Amino acid sequence: MSHTVLLIQPGGVESRTFSDFDTVEQCIEGVCNIYEKHLEQLNSDNSTITYTMQELFEFMDQLNDIVCLVYEKSTNSYCPCPKQWIKKKMYEFFEDSAVRQN
């Protein structure tokens, strides 16, 4: 369990925001929630929203910046983790979820 800070900049500098989570997994879920809210805004007349991991990754690629700061207990500091790391963790998260459902 590592405290994780999600830093996102969807557009210009004024759009910077952050969220913090108790775990990396909660942070990954948080990124999914942000994308789902974005889809809800685009498709307000649809009660059901579905998407692929590829579509989620394309959304992430459109952001000016997205990075996680993950707390490392051994160094008592936060380690920056780039977009590719987030995508890898996201893939692992969904893969684990699919295994648990079967």
PDB file of N, CA and C in Angstrom:
ATOM      1  N   MET A   1       0.850  -1.170   0.000  1.00  0.00           N
ATOM      2  CA  MET A   1       0.000   0.000   0.000  1.00  0.00           C
ATOM      3  C   MET A   1       0.897   1.235   0.000  1.00  0.00           C
ATOM      4  N   SER A   2       0.842   1.974  -1.113  1.00  0.00           N
ATOM      5  CA  SER A   2       1.672   3.170  -1.238  1.00  0.00           C
ATOM      6  C   SER A   2       0.809   4.372  -1.572  1.00  0.00           C
ATOM      7  N   HIS A   3       0.921   5.383  -0.735  1.00  0.00           N
ATOM      8  CA  HIS A   3       0.198   6.615  -1.008  1.00  0.00           C
ATOM      9  C   HIS A   3       0.603   7.102  -2.393  1.00  0.00           C
ATOM     10  N   THR A   4      -0.380   7.538  -3.192  1.00  0.00           N
ATOM     11  CA  THR A   4      -0.133   7.944  -4.572  1.00  0.00           C
ATOM     12  C   THR A   4      -0.838   9.256  -4.859  1.00  0.00           C
ATOM     13  N   VAL A   5      -0.120  10.174  -5.480  1.00  0.00           N
ATOM     14  CA  VAL A   5      -0.674  11.454  -5.899  1.00  0.00           C
ATOM     15  C   VAL A   5      -0.751  11.437  -7.416  1.00  0.00           C
ATOM     16  N   LEU A   6      -1.932  11.733  -7.945  1.00  0.00           N
ATOM     17  CA  LEU A   6      -2.155  11.796  -9.380  1.00  0.00           C
ATOM     18  C   LEU A   6      -2.155  13.261  -9.797  1.00  0.00           C
ATOM     19  N   LEU A   7      -1.261  13.619 -10.708  1.00  0.00           N
ATOM     20  CA  LEU A   7      -1.190  14.973 -11.238  1.00  0.00           C
ATOM     21  C   LEU A   7      -1.664  14.948 -12.688  1.00  0.00           C
ATOM     22  N   ILE A   8      -2.635  15.790 -13.006  1.00  0.00           N
ATOM     23  CA  ILE A   8      -3.199  15.818 -14.360  1.00  0.00           C
ATOM     24  C   ILE A   8      -3.252  17.253 -14.849  1.00  0.00           C
ATOM     25  N   GLN A   9      -2.897  17.425 -16.112  1.00  0.00           N
ATOM     26  CA  GLN A   9      -3.051  18.716 -16.780  1.00  0.00           C
ATOM     27  C   GLN A   9      -3.725  18.450 -18.127  1.00  0.00           C
ATOM     28  N   PRO A  10      -5.075  18.546 -18.171  1.00  0.00           N
ATOM     29  CA  PRO A  10      -5.794  18.252 -19.411  1.00  0.00           C
ATOM     30  C   PRO A  10      -5.530  19.272 -20.514  1.00  0.00           C
ATOM     31  N   GLY A  11      -5.425  20.544 -20.145  1.00  0.00           N
ATOM     32  CA  GLY A  11      -5.242  21.603 -21.130  1.00  0.00           C
ATOM     33  C   GLY A  11      -4.103  22.514 -20.737  1.00  0.00           C
ATOM     34  N   GLY A  12      -4.399  23.800 -20.661  1.00  0.00           N
ATOM     35  CA  GLY A  12      -3.395  24.784 -20.289  1.00  0.00           C
ATOM     36  C   GLY A  12      -3.019  24.699 -18.824  1.00  0.00           C
ATOM     37  N   VAL A  13      -2.086  25.553 -18.437  1.00  0.00           N
ATOM     38  CA  VAL A  13      -1.557  25.555 -17.071  1.00  0.00           C
ATOM     39  C   VAL A  13      -2.669  25.681 -16.028  1.00  0.00           C
ATOM     40  N   GLU A  14      -3.690  26.490 -16.342  1.00  0.00           N
ATOM     41  CA  GLU A  14      -4.784  26.699 -15.385  1.00  0.00           C
ATOM     42  C   GLU A  14      -5.620  25.448 -15.138  1.00  0.00           C
ATOM     43  N   SER A  15      -5.451  24.421 -15.970  1.00  0.00           N
ATOM     44  CA  SER A  15      -6.246  23.201 -15.807  1.00  0.00           C
ATOM     45  C   SER A  15      -5.569  22.159 -14.921  1.00  0.00           C
ATOM     46  N   ARG A  16      -4.413  22.477 -14.386  1.00  0.00           N
ATOM     47  CA  ARG A  16      -3.702  21.510 -13.529  1.00  0.00           C
ATOM     48  C   ARG A  16      -4.540  21.160 -12.301  1.00  0.00           C
ATOM     49  N   THR A  17      -4.487  19.888 -11.954  1.00  0.00           N
ATOM     50  CA  THR A  17      -5.192  19.429 -10.756  1.00  0.00           C
ATOM     51  C   THR A  17      -4.474  18.205 -10.200  1.00  0.00           C
ATOM     52  N   PHE A  18      -4.803  17.880  -8.969  1.00  0.00           N
ATOM     53  CA  PHE A  18      -4.223  16.673  -8.373  1.00  0.00           C
ATOM     54  C   PHE A  18      -5.269  15.980  -7.515  1.00  0.00           C
ATOM     55  N   SER A  19      -5.051  14.695  -7.317  1.00  0.00           N
ATOM     56  CA  SER A  19      -5.863  13.878  -6.412  1.00  0.00           C
ATOM     57  C   SER A  19      -4.903  12.958  -5.679  1.00  0.00           C
ATOM     58  N   ASP A  20      -5.240  12.627  -4.447  1.00  0.00           N
ATOM     59  CA  ASP A  20      -4.382  11.665  -3.756  1.00  0.00           C
ATOM     60  C   ASP A  20      -5.187  10.439  -3.356  1.00  0.00           C
ATOM     61  N   PHE A  21      -4.490   9.318  -3.316  1.00  0.00           N
ATOM     62  CA  PHE A  21      -5.099   8.013  -3.074  1.00  0.00           C
ATOM     63  C   PHE A  21      -4.236   7.224  -2.104  1.00  0.00           C
ATOM     64  N   ASP A  22      -4.866   6.306  -1.402  1.00  0.00           N
ATOM     65  CA  ASP A  22      -4.135   5.467  -0.444  1.00  0.00           C
ATOM     66  C   ASP A  22      -3.266   4.425  -1.134  1.00  0.00           C
ATOM     67  N   THR A  23      -3.659   4.005  -2.340  1.00  0.00           N
ATOM     68  CA  THR A  23      -2.919   2.959  -3.048  1.00  0.00           C
ATOM     69  C   THR A  23      -2.818   3.293  -4.538  1.00  0.00           C
ATOM     70  N   VAL A  24      -1.888   2.632  -5.204  1.00  0.00           N
ATOM     71  CA  VAL A  24      -1.757   2.764  -6.656  1.00  0.00           C
ATOM     72  C   VAL A  24      -3.039   2.285  -7.334  1.00  0.00           C
ATOM     73  N   GLU A  25      -3.619   1.190  -6.839  1.00  0.00           N
ATOM     74  CA  GLU A  25      -4.836   0.637  -7.432  1.00  0.00           C
ATOM     75  C   GLU A  25      -5.987   1.640  -7.377  1.00  0.00           C
ATOM     76  N   GLN A  26      -6.127   2.321  -6.250  1.00  0.00           N
ATOM     77  CA  GLN A  26      -7.172   3.342  -6.137  1.00  0.00           C
ATOM     78  C   GLN A  26      -6.913   4.486  -7.111  1.00  0.00           C
ATOM     79  N   CYS A  27      -5.658   4.810  -7.323  1.00  0.00           N
ATOM     80  CA  CYS A  27      -5.304   5.860  -8.280  1.00  0.00           C
ATOM     81  C   CYS A  27      -5.702   5.437  -9.695  1.00  0.00           C
ATOM     82  N   ILE A  28      -5.431   4.194 -10.051  1.00  0.00           N
ATOM     83  CA  ILE A  28      -5.798   3.689 -11.379  1.00  0.00           C
ATOM     84  C   ILE A  28      -7.312   3.762 -11.549  1.00  0.00           C
ATOM     85  N   GLU A  29      -8.048   3.373 -10.531  1.00  0.00           N
ATOM     86  CA  GLU A  29      -9.505   3.496 -10.576  1.00  0.00           C
ATOM     87  C   GLU A  29      -9.910   4.958 -10.727  1.00  0.00           C
ATOM     88  N   GLY A  30      -9.175   5.852 -10.081  1.00  0.00           N
ATOM     89  CA  GLY A  30      -9.455   7.280 -10.186  1.00  0.00           C
ATOM     90  C   GLY A  30      -9.286   7.792 -11.607  1.00  0.00           C
ATOM     91  N   VAL A  31      -8.255   7.327 -12.308  1.00  0.00           N
ATOM     92  CA  VAL A  31      -8.054   7.718 -13.704  1.00  0.00           C
ATOM     93  C   VAL A  31      -9.234   7.224 -14.548  1.00  0.00           C
ATOM     94  N   CYS A  32      -9.661   5.997 -14.304  1.00  0.00           N
ATOM     95  CA  CYS A  32     -10.826   5.453 -15.027  1.00  0.00           C
ATOM     96  C   CYS A  32     -12.070   6.296 -14.745  1.00  0.00           C
ATOM     97  N   ASN A  33     -12.251   6.693 -13.499  1.00  0.00           N
ATOM     98  CA  ASN A  33     -13.411   7.526 -13.138  1.00  0.00           C
ATOM     99  C   ASN A  33     -13.383   8.869 -13.860  1.00  0.00           C
ATOM    100  N   ILE A  34     -12.204   9.445 -13.987  1.00  0.00           N
ATOM    101  CA  ILE A  34     -12.077  10.718 -14.706  1.00  0.00           C
ATOM    102  C   ILE A  34     -12.497  10.528 -16.163  1.00  0.00           C
ATOM    103  N   TYR A  35     -12.044   9.448 -16.791  1.00  0.00           N
ATOM    104  CA  TYR A  35     -12.415   9.182 -18.175  1.00  0.00           C
ATOM    105  C   TYR A  35     -13.919   8.914 -18.297  1.00  0.00           C
ATOM    106  N   GLU A  36     -14.471   8.163 -17.360  1.00  0.00           N
ATOM    107  CA  GLU A  36     -15.904   7.866 -17.398  1.00  0.00           C
ATOM    108  C   GLU A  36     -16.738   9.145 -17.254  1.00  0.00           C
ATOM    109  N   LYS A  37     -16.304  10.062 -16.402  1.00  0.00           N
ATOM    110  CA  LYS A  37     -17.008  11.348 -16.272  1.00  0.00           C
ATOM    111  C   LYS A  37     -16.920  12.139 -17.573  1.00  0.00           C
ATOM    112  N   HIS A  38     -15.774  12.079 -18.215  1.00  0.00           N
ATOM    113  CA  HIS A  38     -15.593  12.738 -19.513  1.00  0.00           C
ATOM    114  C   HIS A  38     -16.570  12.151 -20.536  1.00  0.00           C
ATOM    115  N   LEU A  39     -16.686  10.829 -20.560  1.00  0.00           N
ATOM    116  CA  LEU A  39     -17.615  10.174 -21.491  1.00  0.00           C
ATOM    117  C   LEU A  39     -19.060  10.535 -21.174  1.00  0.00           C
ATOM    118  N   GLU A  40     -19.396  10.629 -19.896  1.00  0.00           N
ATOM    119  CA  GLU A  40     -20.754  11.004 -19.496  1.00  0.00           C
ATOM    120  C   GLU A  40     -21.100  12.401 -19.998  1.00  0.00           C
ATOM    121  N   GLN A  41     -20.132  13.304 -19.945  1.00  0.00           N
ATOM    122  CA  GLN A  41     -20.369  14.662 -20.435  1.00  0.00           C
ATOM    123  C   GLN A  41     -20.593  14.665 -21.946  1.00  0.00           C
ATOM    124  N   LEU A  42     -19.843  13.822 -22.651  1.00  0.00           N
ATOM    125  CA  LEU A  42     -19.982  13.751 -24.107  1.00  0.00           C
ATOM    126  C   LEU A  42     -21.261  13.037 -24.532  1.00  0.00           C
ATOM    127  N   ASN A  43     -21.721  12.104 -23.712  1.00  0.00           N
ATOM    128  CA  ASN A  43     -22.878  11.261 -24.045  1.00  0.00           C
ATOM    129  C   ASN A  43     -23.930  11.344 -22.957  1.00  0.00           C
ATOM    130  N   SER A  44     -24.365  12.543 -22.628  1.00  0.00           N
ATOM    131  CA  SER A  44     -25.287  12.731 -21.508  1.00  0.00           C
ATOM    132  C   SER A  44     -26.632  12.034 -21.721  1.00  0.00           C
ATOM    133  N   ASP A  45     -26.977  11.718 -22.965  1.00  0.00           N
ATOM    134  CA  ASP A  45     -28.250  11.052 -23.238  1.00  0.00           C
ATOM    135  C   ASP A  45     -28.145   9.535 -23.129  1.00  0.00           C
ATOM    136  N   ASN A  46     -26.944   9.014 -22.923  1.00  0.00           N
ATOM    137  CA  ASN A  46     -26.734   7.573 -22.808  1.00  0.00           C
ATOM    138  C   ASN A  46     -26.642   7.166 -21.348  1.00  0.00           C
ATOM    139  N   SER A  47     -27.411   6.164 -20.936  1.00  0.00           N
ATOM    140  CA  SER A  47     -27.364   5.725 -19.544  1.00  0.00           C
ATOM    141  C   SER A  47     -26.250   4.709 -19.304  1.00  0.00           C
ATOM    142  N   THR A  48     -25.770   4.078 -20.386  1.00  0.00           N
ATOM    143  CA  THR A  48     -24.708   3.086 -20.273  1.00  0.00           C
ATOM    144  C   THR A  48     -23.498   3.550 -21.066  1.00  0.00           C
ATOM    145  N   ILE A  49     -22.355   3.490 -20.429  1.00  0.00           N
ATOM    146  CA  ILE A  49     -21.121   3.896 -21.088  1.00  0.00           C
ATOM    147  C   ILE A  49     -20.167   2.708 -21.088  1.00  0.00           C
ATOM    148  N   THR A  50     -19.654   2.407 -22.260  1.00  0.00           N
ATOM    149  CA  THR A  50     -18.651   1.351 -22.381  1.00  0.00           C
ATOM    150  C   THR A  50     -17.455   1.921 -23.143  1.00  0.00           C
ATOM    151  N   TYR A  51     -16.299   1.338 -22.886  1.00  0.00           N
ATOM    152  CA  TYR A  51     -15.088   1.783 -23.574  1.00  0.00           C
ATOM    153  C   TYR A  51     -14.046   0.681 -23.523  1.00  0.00           C
ATOM    154  N   THR A  52     -13.099   0.797 -24.430  1.00  0.00           N
ATOM    155  CA  THR A  52     -11.996  -0.163 -24.465  1.00  0.00           C
ATOM    156  C   THR A  52     -10.777   0.455 -23.778  1.00  0.00           C
ATOM    157  N   MET A  53      -9.830  -0.385 -23.465  1.00  0.00           N
ATOM    158  CA  MET A  53      -8.606   0.104 -22.872  1.00  0.00           C
ATOM    159  C   MET A  53      -7.879   1.005 -23.870  1.00  0.00           C
ATOM    160  N   GLN A  54      -7.956   0.677 -25.151  1.00  0.00           N
ATOM    161  CA  GLN A  54      -7.325   1.502 -26.181  1.00  0.00           C
ATOM    162  C   GLN A  54      -7.910   2.917 -26.177  1.00  0.00           C
ATOM    163  N   GLU A  55      -9.224   3.020 -26.047  1.00  0.00           N
ATOM    164  CA  GLU A  55      -9.874   4.333 -25.996  1.00  0.00           C
ATOM    165  C   GLU A  55      -9.435   5.112 -24.755  1.00  0.00           C
ATOM    166  N   LEU A  56      -9.307   4.413 -23.644  1.00  0.00           N
ATOM    167  CA  LEU A  56      -8.833   5.052 -22.414  1.00  0.00           C
ATOM    168  C   LEU A  56      -7.403   5.557 -22.590  1.00  0.00           C
ATOM    169  N   PHE A  57      -6.547   4.750 -23.218  1.00  0.00           N
ATOM    170  CA  PHE A  57      -5.168   5.162 -23.463  1.00  0.00           C
ATOM    171  C   PHE A  57      -5.106   6.354 -24.409  1.00  0.00           C
ATOM    172  N   GLU A  58      -5.972   6.384 -25.418  1.00  0.00           N
ATOM    173  CA  GLU A  58      -6.015   7.520 -26.343  1.00  0.00           C
ATOM    174  C   GLU A  58      -6.427   8.798 -25.602  1.00  0.00           C
ATOM    175  N   PHE A  59      -7.365   8.670 -24.667  1.00  0.00           N
ATOM    176  CA  PHE A  59      -7.760   9.811 -23.840  1.00  0.00           C
ATOM    177  C   PHE A  59      -6.563  10.309 -23.039  1.00  0.00           C
ATOM    178  N   MET A  60      -5.833   9.386 -22.438  1.00  0.00           N
ATOM    179  CA  MET A  60      -4.665   9.759 -21.650  1.00  0.00           C
ATOM    180  C   MET A  60      -3.618  10.453 -22.526  1.00  0.00           C
ATOM    181  N   ASP A  61      -3.461   9.986 -23.769  1.00  0.00           N
ATOM    182  CA  ASP A  61      -2.489  10.582 -24.681  1.00  0.00           C
ATOM    183  C   ASP A  61      -2.873  12.002 -25.076  1.00  0.00           C
ATOM    184  N   GLN A  62      -4.156  12.324 -25.009  1.00  0.00           N
ATOM    185  CA  GLN A  62      -4.614  13.666 -25.364  1.00  0.00           C
ATOM    186  C   GLN A  62      -4.384  14.686 -24.240  1.00  0.00           C
ATOM    187  N   LEU A  63      -4.140  14.207 -23.037  1.00  0.00           N
ATOM    188  CA  LEU A  63      -3.873  15.104 -21.914  1.00  0.00           C
ATOM    189  C   LEU A  63      -2.508  15.754 -22.094  1.00  0.00           C
ATOM    190  N   ASN A  64      -2.385  17.003 -21.701  1.00  0.00           N
ATOM    191  CA  ASN A  64      -1.070  17.657 -21.762  1.00  0.00           C
ATOM    192  C   ASN A  64      -0.068  16.943 -20.872  1.00  0.00           C
ATOM    193  N   ASP A  65      -0.532  16.478 -19.710  1.00  0.00           N
ATOM    194  CA  ASP A  65       0.367  15.761 -18.808  1.00  0.00           C
ATOM    195  C   ASP A  65      -0.437  14.933 -17.818  1.00  0.00           C
ATOM    196  N   ILE A  66       0.098  13.791 -17.481  1.00  0.00           N
ATOM    197  CA  ILE A  66      -0.458  12.951 -16.419  1.00  0.00           C
ATOM    198  C   ILE A  66       0.719  12.174 -15.822  1.00  0.00           C
ATOM    199  N   VAL A  67       0.826  12.221 -14.507  1.00  0.00           N
ATOM    200  CA  VAL A  67       1.928  11.554 -13.819  1.00  0.00           C
ATOM    201  C   VAL A  67       1.462  11.148 -12.425  1.00  0.00           C
ATOM    202  N   CYS A  68       2.040  10.090 -11.903  1.00  0.00           N
ATOM    203  CA  CYS A  68       1.774   9.665 -10.527  1.00  0.00           C
ATOM    204  C   CYS A  68       3.034   9.869  -9.700  1.00  0.00           C
ATOM    205  N   LEU A  69       2.841  10.284  -8.479  1.00  0.00           N
ATOM    206  CA  LEU A  69       3.918  10.340  -7.499  1.00  0.00           C
ATOM    207  C   LEU A  69       3.603   9.257  -6.473  1.00  0.00           C
ATOM    208  N   VAL A  70       4.428   8.227  -6.433  1.00  0.00           N
ATOM    209  CA  VAL A  70       4.180   7.072  -5.567  1.00  0.00           C
ATOM    210  C   VAL A  70       5.175   7.093  -4.406  1.00  0.00           C
ATOM    211  N   TYR A  71       4.627   7.010  -3.209  1.00  0.00           N
ATOM    212  CA  TYR A  71       5.462   7.057  -2.007  1.00  0.00           C
ATOM    213  C   TYR A  71       6.298   5.790  -1.889  1.00  0.00           C
ATOM    214  N   GLU A  72       7.589   5.990  -1.700  1.00  0.00           N
ATOM    215  CA  GLU A  72       8.533   4.892  -1.488  1.00  0.00           C
ATOM    216  C   GLU A  72       9.000   4.937  -0.038  1.00  0.00           C
ATOM    217  N   LYS A  73       8.547   3.966   0.738  1.00  0.00           N
ATOM    218  CA  LYS A  73       8.864   3.955   2.163  1.00  0.00           C
ATOM    219  C   LYS A  73      10.372   3.859   2.415  1.00  0.00           C
ATOM    220  N   SER A  74      11.075   3.083   1.585  1.00  0.00           N
ATOM    221  CA  SER A  74      12.504   2.868   1.805  1.00  0.00           C
ATOM    222  C   SER A  74      13.319   4.158   1.692  1.00  0.00           C
ATOM    223  N   THR A  75      12.861   5.093   0.873  1.00  0.00           N
ATOM    224  CA  THR A  75      13.582   6.359   0.701  1.00  0.00           C
ATOM    225  C   THR A  75      12.853   7.535   1.351  1.00  0.00           C
ATOM    226  N   ASN A  76      11.657   7.257   1.875  1.00  0.00           N
ATOM    227  CA  ASN A  76      10.828   8.295   2.480  1.00  0.00           C
ATOM    228  C   ASN A  76      10.628   9.473   1.519  1.00  0.00           C
ATOM    229  N   SER A  77      10.318   9.114   0.260  1.00  0.00           N
ATOM    230  CA  SER A  77      10.123  10.141  -0.757  1.00  0.00           C
ATOM    231  C   SER A  77       9.114   9.644  -1.800  1.00  0.00           C
ATOM    232  N   TYR A  78       8.717  10.542  -2.673  1.00  0.00           N
ATOM    233  CA  TYR A  78       7.781  10.201  -3.743  1.00  0.00           C
ATOM    234  C   TYR A  78       8.541  10.023  -5.048  1.00  0.00           C
ATOM    235  N   CYS A  79       8.263   8.932  -5.715  1.00  0.00           N
ATOM    236  CA  CYS A  79       8.905   8.609  -6.980  1.00  0.00           C
ATOM    237  C   CYS A  79       7.960   8.987  -8.127  1.00  0.00           C
ATOM    238  N   PRO A  80       8.404   9.827  -9.085  1.00  0.00           N
ATOM    239  CA  PRO A  80       7.534  10.171 -10.207  1.00  0.00           C
ATOM    240  C   PRO A  80       7.422   8.998 -11.185  1.00  0.00           C
ATOM    241  N   CYS A  81       6.195   8.725 -11.606  1.00  0.00           N
ATOM    242  CA  CYS A  81       5.927   7.627 -12.537  1.00  0.00           C
ATOM    243  C   CYS A  81       5.183   8.194 -13.738  1.00  0.00           C
ATOM    244  N   PRO A  82       5.751   8.064 -14.952  1.00  0.00           N
ATOM    245  CA  PRO A  82       5.185   8.705 -16.142  1.00  0.00           C
ATOM    246  C   PRO A  82       3.958   7.984 -16.695  1.00  0.00           C
ATOM    247  N   LYS A  83       3.424   8.549 -17.742  1.00  0.00           N
ATOM    248  CA  LYS A  83       2.213   8.044 -18.395  1.00  0.00           C
ATOM    249  C   LYS A  83       2.336   6.561 -18.771  1.00  0.00           C
ATOM    250  N   GLN A  84       3.471   6.153 -19.325  1.00  0.00           N
ATOM    251  CA  GLN A  84       3.644   4.752 -19.734  1.00  0.00           C
ATOM    252  C   GLN A  84       3.550   3.820 -18.534  1.00  0.00           C
ATOM    253  N   TRP A  85       4.069   4.232 -17.405  1.00  0.00           N
ATOM    254  CA  TRP A  85       3.975   3.440 -16.180  1.00  0.00           C
ATOM    255  C   TRP A  85       2.510   3.311 -15.761  1.00  0.00           C
ATOM    256  N   ILE A  86       1.769   4.418 -15.843  1.00  0.00           N
ATOM    257  CA  ILE A  86       0.343   4.400 -15.484  1.00  0.00           C
ATOM    258  C   ILE A  86      -0.403   3.426 -16.390  1.00  0.00           C
ATOM    259  N   LYS A  87      -0.111   3.475 -17.689  1.00  0.00           N
ATOM    260  CA  LYS A  87      -0.766   2.561 -18.641  1.00  0.00           C
ATOM    261  C   LYS A  87      -0.449   1.106 -18.304  1.00  0.00           C
ATOM    262  N   LYS A  88       0.800   0.833 -17.963  1.00  0.00           N
ATOM    263  CA  LYS A  88       1.191  -0.536 -17.589  1.00  0.00           C
ATOM    264  C   LYS A  88       0.416  -0.993 -16.353  1.00  0.00           C
ATOM    265  N   LYS A  89       0.349  -0.132 -15.342  1.00  0.00           N
ATOM    266  CA  LYS A  89      -0.391  -0.472 -14.119  1.00  0.00           C
ATOM    267  C   LYS A  89      -1.875  -0.652 -14.415  1.00  0.00           C
ATOM    268  N   MET A  90      -2.395   0.157 -15.331  1.00  0.00           N
ATOM    269  CA  MET A  90      -3.798   0.055 -15.710  1.00  0.00           C
ATOM    270  C   MET A  90      -4.075  -1.291 -16.375  1.00  0.00           C
ATOM    271  N   TYR A  91      -3.183  -1.684 -17.273  1.00  0.00           N
ATOM    272  CA  TYR A  91      -3.314  -2.978 -17.946  1.00  0.00           C
ATOM    273  C   TYR A  91      -3.299  -4.111 -16.919  1.00  0.00           C
ATOM    274  N   GLU A  92      -2.364  -4.059 -15.981  1.00  0.00           N
ATOM    275  CA  GLU A  92      -2.276  -5.076 -14.929  1.00  0.00           C
ATOM    276  C   GLU A  92      -3.544  -5.090 -14.072  1.00  0.00           C
ATOM    277  N   PHE A  93      -4.063  -3.903 -13.761  1.00  0.00           N
ATOM    278  CA  PHE A  93      -5.269  -3.777 -12.949  1.00  0.00           C
ATOM    279  C   PHE A  93      -6.453  -4.458 -13.640  1.00  0.00           C
ATOM    280  N   PHE A  94      -6.640  -4.158 -14.943  1.00  0.00           N
ATOM    281  CA  PHE A  94      -7.756  -4.750 -15.670  1.00  0.00           C
ATOM    282  C   PHE A  94      -7.561  -6.245 -15.873  1.00  0.00           C
ATOM    283  N   GLU A  95      -6.335  -6.664 -16.077  1.00  0.00           N
ATOM    284  CA  GLU A  95      -6.052  -8.086 -16.234  1.00  0.00           C
ATOM    285  C   GLU A  95      -6.391  -8.836 -14.948  1.00  0.00           C
ATOM    286  N   ASP A  96      -5.988  -8.278 -13.810  1.00  0.00           N
ATOM    287  CA  ASP A  96      -6.305  -8.886 -12.513  1.00  0.00           C
ATOM    288  C   ASP A  96      -7.817  -8.916 -12.273  1.00  0.00           C
ATOM    289  N   SER A  97      -8.518  -7.852 -12.660  1.00  0.00           N
ATOM    290  CA  SER A  97      -9.969  -7.789 -12.500  1.00  0.00           C
ATOM    291  C   SER A  97     -10.648  -8.856 -13.317  1.00  0.00           C
ATOM    292  N   ALA A  98     -10.162  -9.072 -14.540  1.00  0.00           N
ATOM    293  CA  ALA A  98     -10.763 -10.089 -15.425  1.00  0.00           C
ATOM    294  C   ALA A  98     -10.549 -11.483 -14.844  1.00  0.00           C
ATOM    295  N   VAL A  99      -9.379 -11.743 -14.274  1.00  0.00           N
ATOM    296  CA  VAL A  99      -9.094 -13.052 -13.675  1.00  0.00           C
ATOM    297  C   VAL A  99     -10.004 -13.290 -12.477  1.00  0.00           C
ATOM    298  N   ARG A 100     -10.204 -12.256 -11.647  1.00  0.00           N
ATOM    299  CA  ARG A 100     -11.060 -12.402 -10.454  1.00  0.00           C
ATOM    300  C   ARG A 100     -12.517 -12.665 -10.842  1.00  0.00           C
ATOM    301  N   GLN A 101     -12.949 -12.156 -12.003  1.00  0.00           N
ATOM    302  CA  GLN A 101     -14.340 -12.339 -12.419  1.00  0.00           C
ATOM    303  C   GLN A 101     -14.582 -13.749 -12.933  1.00  0.00           C
ATOM    304  N   ASN A 102     -13.532 -14.431 -13.383  1.00  0.00           N
ATOM    305  CA  ASN A 102     -13.717 -15.789 -13.937  1.00  0.00           C
ATOM    306  C   ASN A 102     -13.615 -16.832 -12.906  1.00  0.00           C
TER     307      ASN A 102
END
